C-alpha atoms as a PDB file:
ATOM      1  CA  MET A   1      27.738 -30.244 -45.670  1.00  0.00           C
ATOM      2  CA  ASP A   2      26.870 -29.273 -42.172  1.00  0.00           C
ATOM      3  CA  LEU A   3      24.860 -26.027 -42.128  1.00  0.00           C
ATOM      4  CA  ARG A   4      25.540 -25.376 -38.516  1.00  0.00           C
ATOM      5  CA  ARG A   5      29.304 -25.593 -39.444  1.00  0.00           C
ATOM      6  CA  LEU A   6      28.525 -23.322 -42.458  1.00  0.00           C
ATOM      7  CA  ARG A   7      27.171 -20.488 -40.260  1.00  0.00           C
ATOM      8  CA  TYR A   8      30.113 -20.811 -38.186  1.00  0.00           C
ATOM      9  CA  PHE A   9      32.265 -20.344 -40.950  1.00  0.00           C
ATOM     10  CA  ILE A  10      30.232 -17.115 -42.269  1.00  0.00           C
ATOM     11  CA  ALA A  11      30.475 -15.695 -38.752  1.00  0.00           C
ATOM     12  CA  VAL A  12      34.273 -16.162 -38.462  1.00  0.00           C
ATOM     13  CA  ALA A  13      34.639 -14.691 -42.162  1.00  0.00           C
ATOM     14  CA  GLU A  14      32.644 -11.784 -41.451  1.00  0.00           C
ATOM     15  CA  GLU A  15      34.465 -11.069 -38.236  1.00  0.00           C
ATOM     16  CA  LEU A  16      37.883 -12.157 -39.232  1.00  0.00           C
ATOM     17  CA  HIS A  17      38.356 -12.904 -35.357  1.00  0.00           C
ATOM     18  CA  PHE A  18      37.676 -16.079 -33.830  1.00  0.00           C
ATOM     19  CA  GLY A  19      36.989 -14.297 -30.403  1.00  0.00           C
ATOM     20  CA  ARG A  20      34.639 -11.723 -32.102  1.00  0.00           C
ATOM     21  CA  ALA A  21      32.830 -14.459 -33.782  1.00  0.00           C
ATOM     22  CA  ALA A  22      32.284 -16.802 -31.140  1.00  0.00           C
ATOM     23  CA  ALA A  23      30.821 -14.018 -29.069  1.00  0.00           C
ATOM     24  CA  ARG A  24      28.472 -13.420 -31.836  1.00  0.00           C
ATOM     25  CA  LEU A  25      27.534 -16.821 -31.936  1.00  0.00           C
ATOM     26  CA  ARG A  26      27.356 -17.110 -28.171  1.00  0.00           C
ATOM     27  CA  ILE A  27      29.662 -20.051 -27.910  1.00  0.00           C
ATOM     28  CA  ALA A  28      33.032 -20.516 -26.440  1.00  0.00           C
ATOM     29  CA  GLN A  29      36.137 -20.046 -28.908  1.00  0.00           C
ATOM     30  CA  PRO A  30      37.717 -23.236 -28.567  1.00  0.00           C
ATOM     31  CA  PRO A  31      34.526 -25.208 -29.700  1.00  0.00           C
ATOM     32  CA  LEU A  32      34.395 -22.798 -32.870  1.00  0.00           C
ATOM     33  CA  SER A  33      38.021 -23.149 -33.762  1.00  0.00           C
ATOM     34  CA  GLN A  34      37.452 -27.072 -33.806  1.00  0.00           C
ATOM     35  CA  GLN A  35      34.184 -26.777 -35.647  1.00  0.00           C
ATOM     36  CA  ILE A  36      36.231 -24.673 -38.503  1.00  0.00           C
ATOM     37  CA  ARG A  37      38.843 -27.306 -38.686  1.00  0.00           C
ATOM     38  CA  LEU A  38      36.134 -30.061 -39.159  1.00  0.00           C
ATOM     39  CA  LEU A  39      34.527 -28.248 -41.778  1.00  0.00           C
ATOM     40  CA  GLU A  40      37.857 -27.756 -43.794  1.00  0.00           C
ATOM     41  CA  GLN A  41      38.671 -31.438 -43.296  1.00  0.00           C
ATOM     42  CA  GLU A  42      34.940 -32.176 -44.625  1.00  0.00           C
ATOM     43  CA  ILE A  43      35.517 -29.986 -47.881  1.00  0.00           C
ATOM     44  CA  GLY A  44      39.400 -30.529 -48.041  1.00  0.00           C
ATOM     45  CA  VAL A  45      40.535 -27.143 -48.410  1.00  0.00           C
ATOM     46  CA  THR A  46      42.012 -24.349 -46.215  1.00  0.00           C
ATOM     47  CA  LEU A  47      39.421 -21.672 -45.297  1.00  0.00           C
ATOM     48  CA  PHE A  48      41.790 -19.197 -43.217  1.00  0.00           C
ATOM     49  CA  ASN A  49      45.160 -18.188 -43.196  1.00  0.00           C
ATOM     50  CA  ARG A  50      45.959 -17.861 -39.630  1.00  0.00           C
ATOM     51  CA  SER A  51      48.507 -15.991 -37.471  1.00  0.00           C
ATOM     52  CA  THR A  52      48.921 -14.712 -33.948  1.00  0.00           C
ATOM     53  CA  ARG A  53      47.936 -11.368 -35.256  1.00  0.00           C
ATOM     54  CA  ARG A  54      45.259 -11.933 -37.815  1.00  0.00           C
ATOM     55  CA  VAL A  55      42.929 -13.987 -39.580  1.00  0.00           C
ATOM     56  CA  GLU A  56      42.743 -14.112 -43.389  1.00  0.00           C
ATOM     57  CA  LEU A  57      40.558 -15.615 -45.710  1.00  0.00           C
ATOM     58  CA  THR A  58      41.901 -18.087 -48.644  1.00  0.00           C
ATOM     59  CA  ALA A  59      40.790 -18.045 -52.098  1.00  0.00           C
ATOM     60  CA  ALA A  60      38.821 -20.926 -51.283  1.00  0.00           C
ATOM     61  CA  GLY A  61      37.209 -19.214 -48.384  1.00  0.00           C
ATOM     62  CA  ARG A  62      36.181 -16.138 -50.357  1.00  0.00           C
ATOM     63  CA  ALA A  63      34.356 -18.630 -52.516  1.00  0.00           C
ATOM     64  CA  LEU A  64      32.648 -20.408 -49.903  1.00  0.00           C
ATOM     65  CA  LEU A  65      31.651 -17.090 -48.102  1.00  0.00           C
ATOM     66  CA  ALA A  66      29.731 -15.783 -51.320  1.00  0.00           C
ATOM     67  CA  GLU A  67      28.150 -19.111 -51.872  1.00  0.00           C
ATOM     68  CA  GLY A  68      27.364 -19.935 -48.284  1.00  0.00           C
ATOM     69  CA  ARG A  69      25.832 -16.571 -47.765  1.00  0.00           C
ATOM     70  CA  SER A  70      23.601 -17.320 -50.761  1.00  0.00           C
ATOM     71  CA  VAL A  71      22.567 -20.699 -49.302  1.00  0.00           C
ATOM     72  CA  PHE A  72      21.412 -19.201 -46.339  1.00  0.00           C
ATOM     73  CA  GLU A  73      19.351 -16.479 -48.377  1.00  0.00           C
ATOM     74  CA  HIS A  74      17.696 -19.355 -50.428  1.00  0.00           C
ATOM     75  CA  ALA A  75      16.848 -20.977 -47.022  1.00  0.00           C
ATOM     76  CA  GLU A  76      15.245 -17.848 -45.584  1.00  0.00           C
ATOM     77  CA  ARG A  77      13.314 -17.195 -48.868  1.00  0.00           C
ATOM     78  CA  ALA A  78      12.151 -20.683 -48.904  1.00  0.00           C
ATOM     79  CA  VAL A  79      10.659 -20.346 -45.438  1.00  0.00           C
ATOM     80  CA  ARG A  80       9.067 -17.019 -45.841  1.00  0.00           C
ATOM     81  CA  MET A  81       7.465 -18.712 -49.214  1.00  0.00           C
ATOM     82  CA  ALA A  82       6.129 -21.698 -46.926  1.00  0.00           C
ATOM     83  CA  GLN A  83       4.778 -18.893 -44.304  1.00  0.00           C
ATOM     84  CA  ARG A  84       3.284 -17.105 -47.020  1.00  0.00           C
ATOM     85  CA  ALA A  85       1.664 -20.061 -48.888  1.00  0.00           C
ATOM     86  CA  SER A  86       0.391 -21.229 -45.456  1.00  0.00           C
ATOM     87  CA  ARG A  87      -1.673 -17.734 -45.157  1.00  0.00           C
ATOM     88  CA  GLY A  88      -3.136 -18.077 -48.630  1.00  0.00           C
ATOM     89  CA  GLU A  89      -0.844 -15.323 -50.418  1.00  0.00           C
ATOM     90  CA  VAL A  90       0.819 -17.444 -53.286  1.00  0.00           C
ATOM     91  CA  GLY A  91      -0.361 -20.002 -55.286  1.00  0.00           C
ATOM     92  CA  HIS A  92      -3.337 -20.471 -57.945  1.00  0.00           C
ATOM     93  CA  LEU A  93      -6.925 -20.180 -57.825  1.00  0.00           C
ATOM     94  CA  ALA A  94      -9.491 -21.301 -60.235  1.00  0.00           C
ATOM     95  CA  ILE A  95     -12.886 -19.468 -60.015  1.00  0.00           C
ATOM     96  CA  GLY A  96     -16.280 -20.085 -61.760  1.00  0.00           C
ATOM     97  CA  PHE A  97     -18.935 -17.393 -61.867  1.00  0.00           C
ATOM     98  CA  VAL A  98     -22.284 -16.992 -63.274  1.00  0.00           C
ATOM     99  CA  PRO A  99     -22.662 -14.183 -65.719  1.00  0.00           C
ATOM    100  CA  ALA A 100     -24.493 -11.860 -63.494  1.00  0.00           C
ATOM    101  CA  ALA A 101     -21.495 -11.959 -60.775  1.00  0.00           C
ATOM    102  CA  ASP A 102     -19.354 -10.052 -63.093  1.00  0.00           C
ATOM    103  CA  LEU A 103     -21.546  -7.063 -63.297  1.00  0.00           C
ATOM    104  CA  ASP A 104     -20.961  -6.091 -59.745  1.00  0.00           C
ATOM    105  CA  LEU A 105     -19.810  -8.277 -57.115  1.00  0.00           C
ATOM    106  CA  LEU A 106     -17.105 -10.182 -58.819  1.00  0.00           C
ATOM    107  CA  PRO A 107     -15.140  -7.078 -60.024  1.00  0.00           C
ATOM    108  CA  ARG A 108     -15.380  -5.528 -56.547  1.00  0.00           C
ATOM    109  CA  VAL A 109     -14.067  -9.017 -54.880  1.00  0.00           C
ATOM    110  CA  LEU A 110     -10.869  -9.083 -57.254  1.00  0.00           C
ATOM    111  CA  ARG A 111      -9.857  -5.819 -56.659  1.00  0.00           C
ATOM    112  CA  ALA A 112     -10.043  -6.366 -52.743  1.00  0.00           C
ATOM    113  CA  TRP A 113      -8.373  -9.554 -53.601  1.00  0.00           C
ATOM    114  CA  ALA A 114      -5.370  -8.098 -55.580  1.00  0.00           C
ATOM    115  CA  GLU A 115      -4.983  -5.499 -52.914  1.00  0.00           C
ATOM    116  CA  HIS A 116      -3.987  -8.027 -50.438  1.00  0.00           C
ATOM    117  CA  PHE A 117      -2.948 -11.062 -52.310  1.00  0.00           C
ATOM    118  CA  PRO A 118      -1.205 -10.006 -55.336  1.00  0.00           C
ATOM    119  CA  HIS A 119       1.117 -12.970 -55.801  1.00  0.00           C
ATOM    120  CA  VAL A 120      -1.870 -15.507 -56.294  1.00  0.00           C
ATOM    121  CA  GLU A 121      -2.488 -16.501 -59.890  1.00  0.00           C
ATOM    122  CA  ILE A 122      -6.177 -16.118 -60.722  1.00  0.00           C
ATOM    123  CA  GLU A 123      -8.009 -18.114 -63.364  1.00  0.00           C
ATOM    124  CA  LEU A 124     -11.514 -17.244 -64.160  1.00  0.00           C
ATOM    125  CA  HIS A 125     -14.355 -19.317 -65.710  1.00  0.00           C
ATOM    126  CA  ALA A 126     -17.562 -17.752 -66.727  1.00  0.00           C
ATOM    127  CA  MET A 127     -20.087 -20.430 -66.542  1.00  0.00           C
ATOM    128  CA  LEU A 128     -23.617 -20.870 -65.427  1.00  0.00           C
ATOM    129  CA  SER A 129     -24.604 -22.923 -62.041  1.00  0.00           C
ATOM    130  CA  GLY A 130     -25.162 -26.389 -63.208  1.00  0.00           C
ATOM    131  CA  PRO A 131     -21.628 -26.396 -64.921  1.00  0.00           C
ATOM    132  CA  GLN A 132     -20.167 -24.883 -62.060  1.00  0.00           C
ATOM    133  CA  ILE A 133     -21.176 -27.382 -59.469  1.00  0.00           C
ATOM    134  CA  GLU A 134     -19.815 -30.208 -61.617  1.00  0.00           C
ATOM    135  CA  ALA A 135     -16.420 -28.215 -62.083  1.00  0.00           C
ATOM    136  CA  LEU A 136     -16.481 -27.816 -58.307  1.00  0.00           C
ATOM    137  CA  ARG A 137     -17.053 -31.274 -57.786  1.00  0.00           C
ATOM    138  CA  ASP A 138     -14.084 -32.751 -59.983  1.00  0.00           C
ATOM    139  CA  GLY A 139     -11.604 -29.822 -58.795  1.00  0.00           C
ATOM    140  CA  ARG A 140     -11.493 -27.934 -62.262  1.00  0.00           C
ATOM    141  CA  VAL A 141     -12.330 -24.929 -60.175  1.00  0.00           C
ATOM    142  CA  GLN A 142     -11.880 -24.451 -56.445  1.00  0.00           C
ATOM    143  CA  VAL A 143     -14.331 -21.259 -55.741  1.00  0.00           C
ATOM    144  CA  GLY A 144     -17.805 -20.754 -57.636  1.00  0.00           C
ATOM    145  CA  PHE A 145     -20.336 -17.867 -57.816  1.00  0.00           C
ATOM    146  CA  VAL A 146     -23.655 -19.532 -57.979  1.00  0.00           C
ATOM    147  CA  ARG A 147     -27.118 -18.572 -58.586  1.00  0.00           C
ATOM    148  CA  LEU A 148     -29.492 -20.374 -55.968  1.00  0.00           C
ATOM    149  CA  PRO A 149     -30.960 -22.937 -55.823  1.00  0.00           C
ATOM    150  CA  VAL A 150     -28.311 -25.494 -56.699  1.00  0.00           C
ATOM    151  CA  ASP A 151     -27.777 -29.170 -55.987  1.00  0.00           C
ATOM    152  CA  HIS A 152     -24.954 -28.766 -53.826  1.00  0.00           C
ATOM    153  CA  GLY A 153     -24.321 -32.129 -52.161  1.00  0.00           C
ATOM    154  CA  GLY A 154     -20.871 -32.370 -50.980  1.00  0.00           C
ATOM    155  CA  LEU A 155     -20.346 -28.562 -51.244  1.00  0.00           C
ATOM    156  CA  ALA A 156     -20.430 -25.764 -48.913  1.00  0.00           C
ATOM    157  CA  VAL A 157     -22.807 -22.957 -50.029  1.00  0.00           C
ATOM    158  CA  GLU A 158     -22.986 -19.299 -48.439  1.00  0.00           C
ATOM    159  CA  VAL A 159     -25.575 -16.762 -49.740  1.00  0.00           C
ATOM    160  CA  ILE A 160     -23.481 -13.556 -50.091  1.00  0.00           C
ATOM    161  CA  GLN A 161     -25.945 -11.530 -51.906  1.00  0.00           C
ATOM    162  CA  ARG A 162     -29.797 -11.121 -52.267  1.00  0.00           C
ATOM    163  CA  GLU A 163     -31.046  -8.816 -54.811  1.00  0.00           C
ATOM    164  CA  PRO A 164     -34.844  -8.395 -56.413  1.00  0.00           C
ATOM    165  CA  LEU A 165     -35.637  -9.826 -59.967  1.00  0.00           C
ATOM    166  CA  VAL A 166     -36.300  -7.212 -62.517  1.00  0.00           C
ATOM    167  CA  VAL A 167     -37.862  -7.659 -65.966  1.00  0.00           C
ATOM    168  CA  ALA A 168     -36.033  -6.351 -68.950  1.00  0.00           C
ATOM    169  CA  LEU A 169     -38.337  -4.842 -71.572  1.00  0.00           C
ATOM    170  CA  PRO A 170     -38.142  -3.339 -74.992  1.00  0.00           C
ATOM    171  CA  GLU A 171     -38.545   0.410 -74.599  1.00  0.00           C
ATOM    172  CA  THR A 172     -41.325   0.264 -76.773  1.00  0.00           C
ATOM    173  CA  HIS A 173     -43.178  -2.356 -74.538  1.00  0.00           C
ATOM    174  CA  ARG A 174     -46.591  -1.366 -73.143  1.00  0.00           C
ATOM    175  CA  LEU A 175     -45.367  -1.445 -69.868  1.00  0.00           C
ATOM    176  CA  ALA A 176     -42.072   0.606 -70.216  1.00  0.00           C
ATOM    177  CA  ARG A 177     -43.353   3.575 -68.797  1.00  0.00           C
ATOM    178  CA  ARG A 178     -44.403   2.036 -65.399  1.00  0.00           C
ATOM    179  CA  THR A 179     -42.146   1.803 -62.267  1.00  0.00           C
ATOM    180  CA  ARG A 180     -43.222  -1.374 -61.315  1.00  0.00           C
ATOM    181  CA  VAL A 181     -44.651  -4.294 -63.321  1.00  0.00           C
ATOM    182  CA  ARG A 182     -46.557  -6.999 -62.019  1.00  0.00           C
ATOM    183  CA  LEU A 183     -45.604 -10.636 -63.061  1.00  0.00           C
ATOM    184  CA  THR A 184     -49.086 -11.116 -64.260  1.00  0.00           C
ATOM    185  CA  ASP A 185     -48.819  -8.327 -66.654  1.00  0.00           C
ATOM    186  CA  LEU A 186     -46.396 -10.480 -68.550  1.00  0.00           C
ATOM    187  CA  GLN A 187     -48.488 -13.510 -69.098  1.00  0.00           C
ATOM    188  CA  HIS A 188     -49.047 -12.722 -72.779  1.00  0.00           C
ATOM    189  CA  ASP A 189     -45.471 -12.060 -73.539  1.00  0.00           C
ATOM    190  CA  GLY A 190     -42.776 -14.183 -74.944  1.00  0.00           C
ATOM    191  CA  MET A 191     -39.890 -15.033 -72.534  1.00  0.00           C
ATOM    192  CA  ILE A 192     -36.056 -15.095 -73.006  1.00  0.00           C
ATOM    193  CA  LEU A 193     -34.590 -17.578 -70.448  1.00  0.00           C
ATOM    194  CA  PHE A 194     -31.454 -19.461 -69.865  1.00  0.00           C
ATOM    195  CA  PRO A 195     -31.534 -22.990 -71.343  1.00  0.00           C
ATOM    196  CA  ARG A 196     -32.641 -25.671 -68.796  1.00  0.00           C
ATOM    197  CA  HIS A 197     -29.779 -27.947 -69.362  1.00  0.00           C
ATOM    198  CA  MET A 198     -27.302 -25.421 -68.157  1.00  0.00           C
ATOM    199  CA  ALA A 199     -29.102 -24.155 -65.167  1.00  0.00           C
ATOM    200  CA  PRO A 200     -32.018 -26.424 -64.323  1.00  0.00           C
ATOM    201  CA  SER A 201     -32.838 -25.160 -60.843  1.00  0.00           C
ATOM    202  CA  TYR A 202     -32.733 -21.330 -61.710  1.00  0.00           C
ATOM    203  CA  HIS A 203     -34.562 -22.186 -64.800  1.00  0.00           C
ATOM    204  CA  ASP A 204     -37.087 -23.992 -63.111  1.00  0.00           C
ATOM    205  CA  LEU A 205     -37.699 -21.354 -60.259  1.00  0.00           C
ATOM    206  CA  LEU A 206     -38.318 -18.487 -62.869  1.00  0.00           C
ATOM    207  CA  VAL A 207     -40.967 -20.735 -64.215  1.00  0.00           C
ATOM    208  CA  SER A 208     -42.333 -21.545 -60.919  1.00  0.00           C
ATOM    209  CA  VAL A 209     -42.485 -17.848 -59.945  1.00  0.00           C
ATOM    210  CA  CYS A 210     -44.648 -17.181 -62.996  1.00  0.00           C
ATOM    211  CA  ARG A 211     -46.806 -20.073 -62.329  1.00  0.00           C
ATOM    212  CA  ARG A 212     -47.529 -18.963 -58.646  1.00  0.00           C
ATOM    213  CA  ALA A 213     -48.498 -15.618 -60.548  1.00  0.00           C
ATOM    214  CA  GLY A 214     -50.955 -17.416 -62.402  1.00  0.00           C
ATOM    215  CA  PHE A 215     -49.535 -18.322 -65.620  1.00  0.00           C
ATOM    216  CA  THR A 216     -46.991 -20.536 -67.500  1.00  0.00           C
ATOM    217  CA  PRO A 217     -44.376 -18.612 -69.414  1.00  0.00           C
ATOM    218  CA  ARG A 218     -44.248 -18.792 -72.973  1.00  0.00           C
ATOM    219  CA  VAL A 219     -40.724 -19.411 -73.939  1.00  0.00           C
ATOM    220  CA  LEU A 220     -39.624 -17.935 -77.171  1.00  0.00           C
ATOM    221  CA  HIS A 221     -35.717 -18.305 -76.961  1.00  0.00           C
ATOM    222  CA  GLU A 222     -33.054 -19.577 -75.011  1.00  0.00           C
ATOM    223  CA  THR A 223     -29.583 -18.328 -74.920  1.00  0.00           C
ATOM    224  CA  GLU A 224     -26.428 -18.966 -72.766  1.00  0.00           C
ATOM    225  CA  SER A 225     -25.190 -15.342 -72.981  1.00  0.00           C
ATOM    226  CA  MET A 226     -26.511 -12.543 -71.060  1.00  0.00           C
ATOM    227  CA  GLN A 227     -25.673 -10.055 -73.746  1.00  0.00           C
ATOM    228  CA  THR A 228     -27.304 -11.964 -76.287  1.00  0.00           C
ATOM    229  CA  ASN A 229     -30.460 -12.078 -73.789  1.00  0.00           C
ATOM    230  CA  ILE A 230     -30.657  -8.382 -73.603  1.00  0.00           C
ATOM    231  CA  GLY A 231     -29.874  -7.851 -77.285  1.00  0.00           C
ATOM    232  CA  LEU A 232     -32.928 -10.043 -78.222  1.00  0.00           C
ATOM    233  CA  VAL A 233     -35.154  -7.611 -75.647  1.00  0.00           C
ATOM    234  CA  ALA A 234     -33.774  -4.658 -77.297  1.00  0.00           C
ATOM    235  CA  ALA A 235     -34.794  -6.198 -80.549  1.00  0.00           C
ATOM    236  CA  GLY A 236     -38.231  -6.677 -79.421  1.00  0.00           C
ATOM    237  CA  LEU A 237     -37.985 -10.491 -79.449  1.00  0.00           C
ATOM    238  CA  GLY A 238     -39.321 -10.912 -75.766  1.00  0.00           C
ATOM    239  CA  VAL A 239     -38.745 -10.267 -72.202  1.00  0.00           C
ATOM    240  CA  SER A 240     -36.617 -11.735 -69.768  1.00  0.00           C
ATOM    241  CA  LEU A 241     -36.392 -11.861 -65.991  1.00  0.00           C
ATOM    242  CA  HIS A 242     -32.949 -11.107 -64.188  1.00  0.00           C
ATOM    243  CA  ALA A 243     -31.207 -10.294 -60.850  1.00  0.00           C
ATOM    244  CA  ALA A 244     -31.348  -6.461 -60.447  1.00  0.00           C
ATOM    245  CA  SER A 245     -27.452  -6.074 -60.914  1.00  0.00           C
ATOM    246  CA  ILE A 246     -28.341  -6.630 -64.835  1.00  0.00           C
ATOM    247  CA  ARG A 247     -29.171  -2.797 -64.671  1.00  0.00           C
ATOM    248  CA  THR A 248     -25.288  -2.062 -64.922  1.00  0.00           C
ATOM    249  CA  LEU A 249     -25.672  -3.698 -68.288  1.00  0.00           C
ATOM    250  CA  GLN A 250     -27.119  -0.828 -70.086  1.00  0.00           C
ATOM    251  CA  ARG A 251     -28.484  -1.391 -73.642  1.00  0.00           C
ATOM    252  CA  ALA A 252     -29.745   1.000 -76.246  1.00  0.00           C
ATOM    253  CA  GLY A 253     -33.688  -0.020 -76.405  1.00  0.00           C
ATOM    254  CA  VAL A 254     -33.902  -1.648 -73.453  1.00  0.00           C
ATOM    255  CA  VAL A 255     -35.263  -0.815 -69.918  1.00  0.00           C
ATOM    256  CA  TYR A 256     -35.389  -2.604 -66.687  1.00  0.00           C
ATOM    257  CA  ARG A 257     -38.322  -2.228 -64.166  1.00  0.00           C
ATOM    258  CA  ARG A 258     -38.901  -4.034 -60.587  1.00  0.00           C
ATOM    259  CA  LEU A 259     -41.545  -6.448 -59.799  1.00  0.00           C
ATOM    260  CA  ALA A 260     -44.469  -5.681 -57.696  1.00  0.00           C
ATOM    261  CA  PRO A 261     -44.758  -7.618 -55.550  1.00  0.00           C
ATOM    262  CA  PRO A 262     -41.090  -7.850 -55.316  1.00  0.00           C
ATOM    263  CA  VAL A 263     -39.459 -11.132 -55.898  1.00  0.00           C
ATOM    264  CA  TYR A 264     -35.808 -11.676 -54.777  1.00  0.00           C
ATOM    265  CA  THR A 265     -32.963 -14.229 -55.752  1.00  0.00           C
ATOM    266  CA  GLU A 266     -29.886 -15.017 -54.287  1.00  0.00           C
ATOM    267  CA  LEU A 267     -25.901 -15.385 -55.322  1.00  0.00           C
ATOM    268  CA  ALA A 268     -23.822 -17.665 -53.244  1.00  0.00           C
ATOM    269  CA  VAL A 269     -20.165 -18.621 -53.251  1.00  0.00           C
ATOM    270  CA  ALA A 270     -19.642 -22.461 -53.277  1.00  0.00           C
ATOM    271  CA  TYR A 271     -16.491 -24.393 -52.375  1.00  0.00           C
ATOM    272  CA  ALA A 272     -15.718 -28.167 -51.460  1.00  0.00           C
ATOM    273  CA  ARG A 273     -17.027 -28.665 -48.031  1.00  0.00           C
ATOM    274  CA  HIS A 274     -13.707 -29.947 -46.551  1.00  0.00           C
ATOM    275  CA  GLU A 275     -11.637 -27.470 -48.563  1.00  0.00           C
ATOM    276  CA  THR A 276      -8.306 -27.008 -46.567  1.00  0.00           C
ATOM    277  CA  SER A 277      -6.607 -24.624 -49.101  1.00  0.00           C
ATOM    278  CA  PRO A 278      -5.407 -21.448 -47.302  1.00  0.00           C
ATOM    279  CA  ILE A 279      -5.947 -19.861 -50.655  1.00  0.00           C
ATOM    280  CA  VAL A 280      -9.727 -21.060 -50.693  1.00  0.00           C
ATOM    281  CA  GLU A 281     -10.031 -20.034 -47.116  1.00  0.00           C
ATOM    282  CA  ALA A 282      -8.434 -16.654 -47.454  1.00  0.00           C
ATOM    283  CA  PHE A 283     -10.721 -15.798 -50.884  1.00  0.00           C
ATOM    284  CA  VAL A 284     -14.129 -16.622 -49.203  1.00  0.00           C
ATOM    285  CA  ARG A 285     -12.966 -14.482 -46.383  1.00  0.00           C
ATOM    286  CA  VAL A 286     -12.497 -11.706 -48.764  1.00  0.00           C
ATOM    287  CA  VAL A 287     -15.811 -12.404 -50.496  1.00  0.00           C
ATOM    288  CA  ARG A 288     -17.629 -12.240 -47.320  1.00  0.00           C
ATOM    289  CA  GLU A 289     -16.123  -9.099 -46.208  1.00  0.00           C
ATOM    290  CA  THR A 290     -16.922  -7.169 -49.746  1.00  0.00           C
ATOM    291  CA  ALA A 291     -20.137  -8.393 -50.104  1.00  0.00           C
ATOM    292  CA  GLY A 292     -20.724  -7.197 -46.478  1.00  0.00           C
ATOM    293  CA  ARG A 293     -19.874  -3.781 -47.300  1.00  0.00           C
ATOM    294  CA  ARG A 294     -22.558  -3.423 -49.814  1.00  0.00           C
ATOM    295  CA  ARG A 295     -25.343  -5.825 -48.381  1.00  0.00           C
ATOM    296  CA  ALA A 296     -28.819  -5.117 -49.756  1.00  0.00           C
ATOM    297  CA  ARG A 297     -31.687  -4.092 -47.578  1.00  0.00           C
ATOM    298  CA  PRO A 298     -33.843  -6.750 -46.516  1.00  0.00           C
ATOM    299  CA  ALA A 299     -37.275  -6.806 -47.654  1.00  0.00           C
ATOM    300  CA  PRO A 300     -39.934  -6.128 -44.964  1.00  0.00           C
ATOM    301  CA  ALA A 301     -41.841  -9.572 -45.997  1.00  0.00           C
ATOM    302  CA  ARG A 302     -40.476 -12.321 -48.260  1.00  0.00           C
ATOM    303  CA  PRO A 303     -43.727 -13.824 -49.753  1.00  0.00           C
ATOM    304  CA  ALA A 304     -42.452 -14.169 -53.081  1.00  0.00           C
ATOM    305  CA  THR A 305     -38.921 -14.757 -52.207  1.00  0.00           C
ATOM    306  CA  VAL A 306     -36.590 -17.091 -54.369  1.00  0.00           C
ATOM    307  CA  PRO A 307     -34.890 -19.417 -52.031  1.00  0.00           C
END
């Protein structure tokens, strides 16, 4: 069916007057009457009872009016949906994130995202940086929150948060009463780290930080879970190094102390370098805006900064 003729029919059916319908459509009355006759011939029914005094819808005309309005409502809805999709307002987004991200930044980002894009379905995957990079490359996730450094060939990586490292100590530790702890003071303590095969770059970085301080860390335990890591510290089974946002994870028996001199680590958002999805573009924009509202103060010097 010619949708133009259907639109003409709806105008006549609503006005029940060919002259008023023609004025509404901004066309002459004779071409309008001709198009209605052609429509009736096309579908094989009479749509109007015409007389010199009035125009009335037939039963077929009343049925077509209801369905015709529905056709245009669906068409308008389809157009609006396409426009919203082009702005990243509808669809699906899979997000990967390192455990530290959900302590502070990720919840704030998701809250801001939900306020502006409530119709995008979010799928969350907690994973360390190494598996995240692979997931980004093979398309299992579209955006990732990773701890630097990472091997990010083929990906765009933007630093969004820079924060100091802290050491998690058992509250009975000999250094627990200090406000700052030197790395060299930890050289005889056993360390609890993430396993190297899950986050090789970050693992190596923490080891190298200790080595620059003059010692090789003695790794007693490796765990993929941040909660397990802190639980082992609470049990007095070692100490561990974390980004300062770990302090939101309070655990009885654990204290957090900054390092002196400070050592900094960076959290980044990562996505495919040539990503064209409007949803990804919109999400990264929300990440930038949210992170910018609470950006950490820059350190006066960066001699021991984690890249």
